Protein backbone atom coordinates (compact mmCIF):
# COMPACT_ATOMS: atom_id res chain seq x y z
CA MET A 1 11.01 50.42 -36.12
CA ASN A 2 14.03 48.12 -36.17
CA HIS A 3 14.54 48.53 -32.43
CA CYS A 4 10.88 47.70 -31.82
CA HIS A 5 11.08 44.66 -34.07
CA CYS A 6 14.18 43.42 -32.25
CA ARG A 7 12.53 43.82 -28.85
CA ASN A 8 9.48 41.84 -30.01
CA LYS A 9 11.76 39.20 -31.48
CA ILE A 10 13.66 38.82 -28.20
CA LYS A 11 10.41 38.77 -26.22
CA ASN A 12 8.95 36.03 -28.42
CA TRP A 13 12.13 33.99 -28.16
CA ASP A 14 12.15 34.29 -24.34
CA THR A 15 8.51 33.22 -24.24
CA LEU A 16 9.29 30.19 -26.41
CA VAL A 17 12.20 29.18 -24.14
CA ASP A 18 10.01 29.53 -21.03
CA MET A 19 7.29 27.39 -22.57
CA ILE A 20 9.75 24.63 -23.50
CA THR A 21 11.47 24.83 -20.10
CA ARG A 22 8.35 24.42 -17.95
CA GLY A 23 7.50 21.08 -19.58
CA LEU A 24 11.04 19.83 -18.98
CA VAL A 25 10.90 20.97 -15.35
CA VAL A 26 7.66 19.08 -14.74
CA MET A 27 9.02 15.94 -16.45
CA THR A 28 12.25 16.16 -14.45
CA THR A 29 10.25 16.44 -11.23
CA GLY A 30 8.28 13.30 -12.11
CA VAL A 31 11.42 11.35 -12.98
CA ALA A 32 13.08 12.51 -9.75
CA MET A 33 10.13 11.27 -7.68
CA ILE A 34 10.27 7.86 -9.36
CA ILE A 35 14.04 7.64 -8.78
CA VAL A 36 13.60 8.55 -5.10
CA ALA A 37 10.95 5.81 -4.79
CA PHE A 38 13.26 3.15 -6.24
CA VAL A 39 16.16 4.34 -4.09
CA THR A 40 13.90 4.06 -1.03
CA VAL A 41 12.94 0.49 -1.91
CA TYR A 42 16.56 -0.42 -2.62
CA SER A 43 17.68 1.06 0.70
CA ILE A 44 15.44 -1.27 2.73
CA ILE A 45 16.49 -4.45 0.93
CA PRO A 46 18.74 -6.43 3.27
CA PRO A 47 22.24 -6.77 1.79
CA THR A 48 22.11 -10.55 2.28
CA VAL A 49 19.00 -11.03 0.14
CA GLY A 50 19.83 -12.79 -3.12
CA ALA A 51 17.98 -13.02 -6.40
CA GLY A 52 14.67 -14.84 -6.09
CA GLU A 53 14.49 -14.42 -2.29
CA LYS A 54 11.61 -12.62 -0.63
CA PHE A 55 12.38 -9.47 1.31
CA PHE A 56 8.99 -7.72 1.55
CA PRO A 57 7.50 -7.82 5.05
CA THR A 58 4.48 -10.00 5.66
CA PRO A 59 1.21 -8.70 7.16
CA GLU A 60 2.06 -10.60 10.34
CA ASN A 61 4.63 -7.88 11.08
CA MET A 62 1.77 -5.44 11.70
CA PHE A 63 0.26 -7.43 14.59
CA ASP A 64 1.22 -8.16 18.19
CA SER A 65 -0.08 -11.74 18.20
CA VAL A 66 -0.02 -14.30 15.38
CA THR A 67 -1.35 -17.86 15.45
CA GLU A 68 0.32 -20.96 14.06
CA ASN A 69 -0.35 -21.71 10.39
CA GLN A 70 -3.37 -23.94 9.93
CA LYS A 71 -4.27 -25.99 6.86
CA ILE A 72 -8.00 -26.11 6.03
CA GLU A 73 -9.42 -28.47 3.43
CA PRO A 74 -12.22 -27.36 1.05
CA GLY A 75 -15.60 -27.38 2.80
CA SER A 76 -13.94 -27.70 6.21
CA GLY A 77 -13.37 -25.17 8.93
CA PHE A 78 -11.16 -24.30 11.85
CA THR A 79 -11.75 -22.16 14.93
CA PHE A 80 -9.10 -19.69 16.04
CA SER A 81 -9.44 -18.16 19.51
CA HIS A 82 -8.21 -14.95 21.06
CA THR A 83 -8.57 -14.08 24.74
CA SER A 84 -8.64 -10.34 25.29
CA GLY A 85 -6.66 -8.72 28.08
CA THR A 86 -8.67 -5.48 28.16
CA SER A 87 -12.15 -4.21 27.36
CA GLN A 88 -13.67 -1.21 25.57
CA VAL A 89 -10.74 -1.01 23.14
CA PRO A 90 -10.60 -1.94 19.44
CA LEU A 91 -9.41 -5.40 18.47
CA MET A 92 -7.72 -5.32 15.08
CA TRP A 93 -7.70 -8.77 13.56
CA GLY A 94 -6.65 -10.18 10.25
CA LEU A 95 -6.58 -13.38 8.24
CA HIS A 96 -3.74 -14.26 5.88
CA ILE A 97 -4.12 -17.01 3.25
CA ILE A 98 -0.45 -17.85 2.97
CA ASP A 99 -0.63 -20.10 -0.09
CA TYR A 100 -3.32 -18.02 -1.83
CA GLN A 101 -4.56 -19.14 -5.24
CA GLN A 102 -7.12 -17.60 -7.56
CA ASP A 103 -10.72 -18.44 -6.57
CA ASP A 104 -9.78 -19.10 -2.92
CA SER A 105 -12.51 -17.89 -0.59
CA VAL A 106 -13.23 -18.05 3.13
CA SER A 107 -16.02 -17.17 5.51
CA ILE A 108 -15.28 -15.85 9.00
CA THR A 109 -17.77 -15.76 11.87
CA ILE A 110 -16.86 -14.11 15.18
CA SER A 111 -18.53 -15.13 18.45
CA ASN A 112 -17.75 -15.57 22.14
CA ILE A 113 -18.17 -18.60 24.37
CA PHE A 114 -21.77 -17.56 25.11
CA GLY A 115 -22.72 -17.58 21.43
CA ASP A 116 -22.92 -13.79 21.00
CA LYS A 117 -22.14 -12.81 17.40
CA PHE A 118 -19.71 -10.04 16.49
CA GLY A 119 -19.80 -10.23 12.71
CA SER A 120 -19.74 -12.54 9.70
CA PHE A 121 -17.63 -12.00 6.62
CA VAL A 122 -16.94 -13.65 3.28
CA ASP A 123 -13.68 -12.76 1.57
CA ALA A 124 -11.74 -13.83 -1.51
CA ASP A 125 -8.53 -11.85 -0.95
CA PRO A 126 -5.23 -13.21 0.39
CA ILE A 127 -5.26 -10.71 3.28
CA PHE A 128 -8.34 -9.58 5.18
CA ILE A 129 -8.14 -7.06 8.06
CA LYS A 130 -10.99 -5.76 10.21
CA SER A 131 -11.61 -4.54 13.75
CA PHE A 132 -14.36 -4.36 16.35
CA MET A 133 -14.76 -2.92 19.83
CA ILE A 134 -14.12 -5.44 22.63
CA PRO A 135 -17.13 -5.14 24.96
CA LYS A 136 -15.52 -7.09 27.82
CA VAL A 137 -12.62 -9.33 28.70
CA ASP A 138 -13.56 -12.60 27.04
CA THR A 139 -12.48 -15.35 24.67
CA TYR A 140 -13.48 -14.62 21.08
CA ASN A 141 -13.76 -17.38 18.51
CA PHE A 142 -13.07 -16.87 14.82
CA ASP A 143 -14.68 -19.68 12.84
CA VAL A 144 -12.94 -19.85 9.45
CA GLU A 145 -14.46 -22.02 6.71
CA ASN A 146 -12.79 -22.77 3.40
CA LYS A 147 -15.31 -21.91 0.67
CA GLY A 148 -12.92 -22.55 -2.20
CA LYS A 149 -11.92 -25.66 -4.12
CA ASN A 150 -8.32 -25.84 -2.93
CA PRO A 151 -6.76 -26.58 0.47
CA ILE A 152 -5.52 -23.38 2.08
CA THR A 153 -3.02 -22.54 4.80
CA VAL A 154 -4.08 -19.61 6.95
CA ALA A 155 -2.92 -17.65 9.97
CA MET A 156 -4.89 -15.29 12.19
CA MET A 157 -3.41 -12.07 13.54
CA PHE A 158 -4.50 -9.92 16.49
CA THR A 159 -3.70 -6.53 18.02
CA GLU A 160 -5.61 -5.00 20.90
CA ASN A 161 -5.84 -1.21 20.98
CA PRO A 162 -3.74 -0.57 17.81
CA GLU A 163 -3.08 3.08 18.80
CA LYS A 164 -0.90 1.81 21.66
CA SER A 165 0.50 -1.23 19.89
CA LYS A 166 4.24 -1.76 20.34
CA THR A 167 4.46 -3.17 16.82
CA LEU A 168 2.83 -0.13 15.21
CA ASN A 169 4.48 2.52 17.40
CA ASP A 170 8.00 1.20 17.85
CA PRO A 171 10.25 3.21 15.46
CA ASN A 172 12.56 0.19 15.21
CA SER A 173 9.79 -2.24 14.24
CA VAL A 174 9.49 -3.84 10.80
CA PHE A 175 6.33 -1.78 10.29
CA HIS A 176 8.20 1.53 10.54
CA LYS A 177 11.42 0.33 8.90
CA SER A 178 9.87 -1.49 5.94
CA ILE A 179 6.11 -1.20 5.51
CA VAL A 180 5.88 2.60 5.92
CA PRO A 181 8.81 3.31 3.53
CA LEU A 182 7.33 0.88 0.98
CA ALA A 183 3.96 2.64 1.19
CA ILE A 184 5.64 6.03 0.70
CA ALA A 185 7.69 4.67 -2.21
CA GLY A 186 4.55 3.28 -3.85
CA LEU A 187 2.83 6.65 -3.50
CA LEU A 188 5.87 8.43 -4.95
CA VAL A 189 5.88 6.11 -7.97
CA ILE A 190 2.19 6.76 -8.66
CA VAL A 191 2.49 10.54 -8.24
CA GLY A 192 5.77 10.58 -10.18
CA ILE A 193 4.23 8.78 -13.15
CA ILE A 194 1.27 11.21 -13.14
CA VAL A 195 3.63 14.22 -12.99
CA LEU A 196 5.82 12.74 -15.76
CA ILE A 197 2.81 12.23 -18.04
CA ALA A 198 1.60 15.75 -17.25
CA GLY A 199 5.05 17.10 -18.16
CA ILE A 200 5.05 15.22 -21.47
CA ILE A 201 1.59 16.56 -22.34
CA LEU A 202 2.61 20.08 -21.32
CA SER A 203 5.76 19.85 -23.45
CA ILE A 204 3.79 18.72 -26.49
CA VAL A 205 1.25 21.52 -26.05
CA ASP A 206 3.99 24.10 -25.54
CA TRP A 207 5.96 22.75 -28.50
CA LYS A 208 2.93 23.20 -30.76
CA LYS A 209 2.38 26.73 -29.45
CA GLY A 210 6.07 27.51 -29.81
CA LYS A 211 6.10 26.15 -33.34
CA ASN A 212 3.37 28.60 -34.27
CA GLN A 213 5.10 31.51 -32.54
CA SER A 214 8.47 30.67 -34.09
CA ARG A 215 7.10 31.66 -37.46
CA TYR A 216 7.10 35.25 -36.30
CA ILE A 217 10.55 35.22 -34.76
């Protein structure tokens, strides 16, 4: 009887240790993922960047062609133009409100020199990216109107056939060296936090179960 009681006691103790350990393992995994994310971000910060300076890449780094910055007063508009070099390929285009403020809003209408329409959009975000198929080699106009109450400074960005873009495919480009690692780091932080919370919950549940089992040890 004593030998049987000892075996049960050891078995219960091992079970309790396993239950406590699995919560710690999950929490440690979550913390490790968050640490890796921050190390990744730190590794892409240029060593010359000081406190208060900006180091994050701008959306312009994702495009092959970027216009000059243009200031647009409230209720006014400006037409940006892009002449395509190929046809039957996607044209990825974007608009960046550089000095974005809350309640800023723009409308964008795309047409060619013959008046054919290729889409109209209204957006209130600082960065707006879309694409459409280029039917033929032509000049495409992007009429941008400031719908907000504040003057805005905007730039238009263009990339024809993004799948073959030098900017997006060059391993030494800012996109691959900064934007992709930042996206991965952001994903790691989100997943790491979820895993950490799951580990904490698991530890609490296991601790309560272990507390009940410890009465019989």
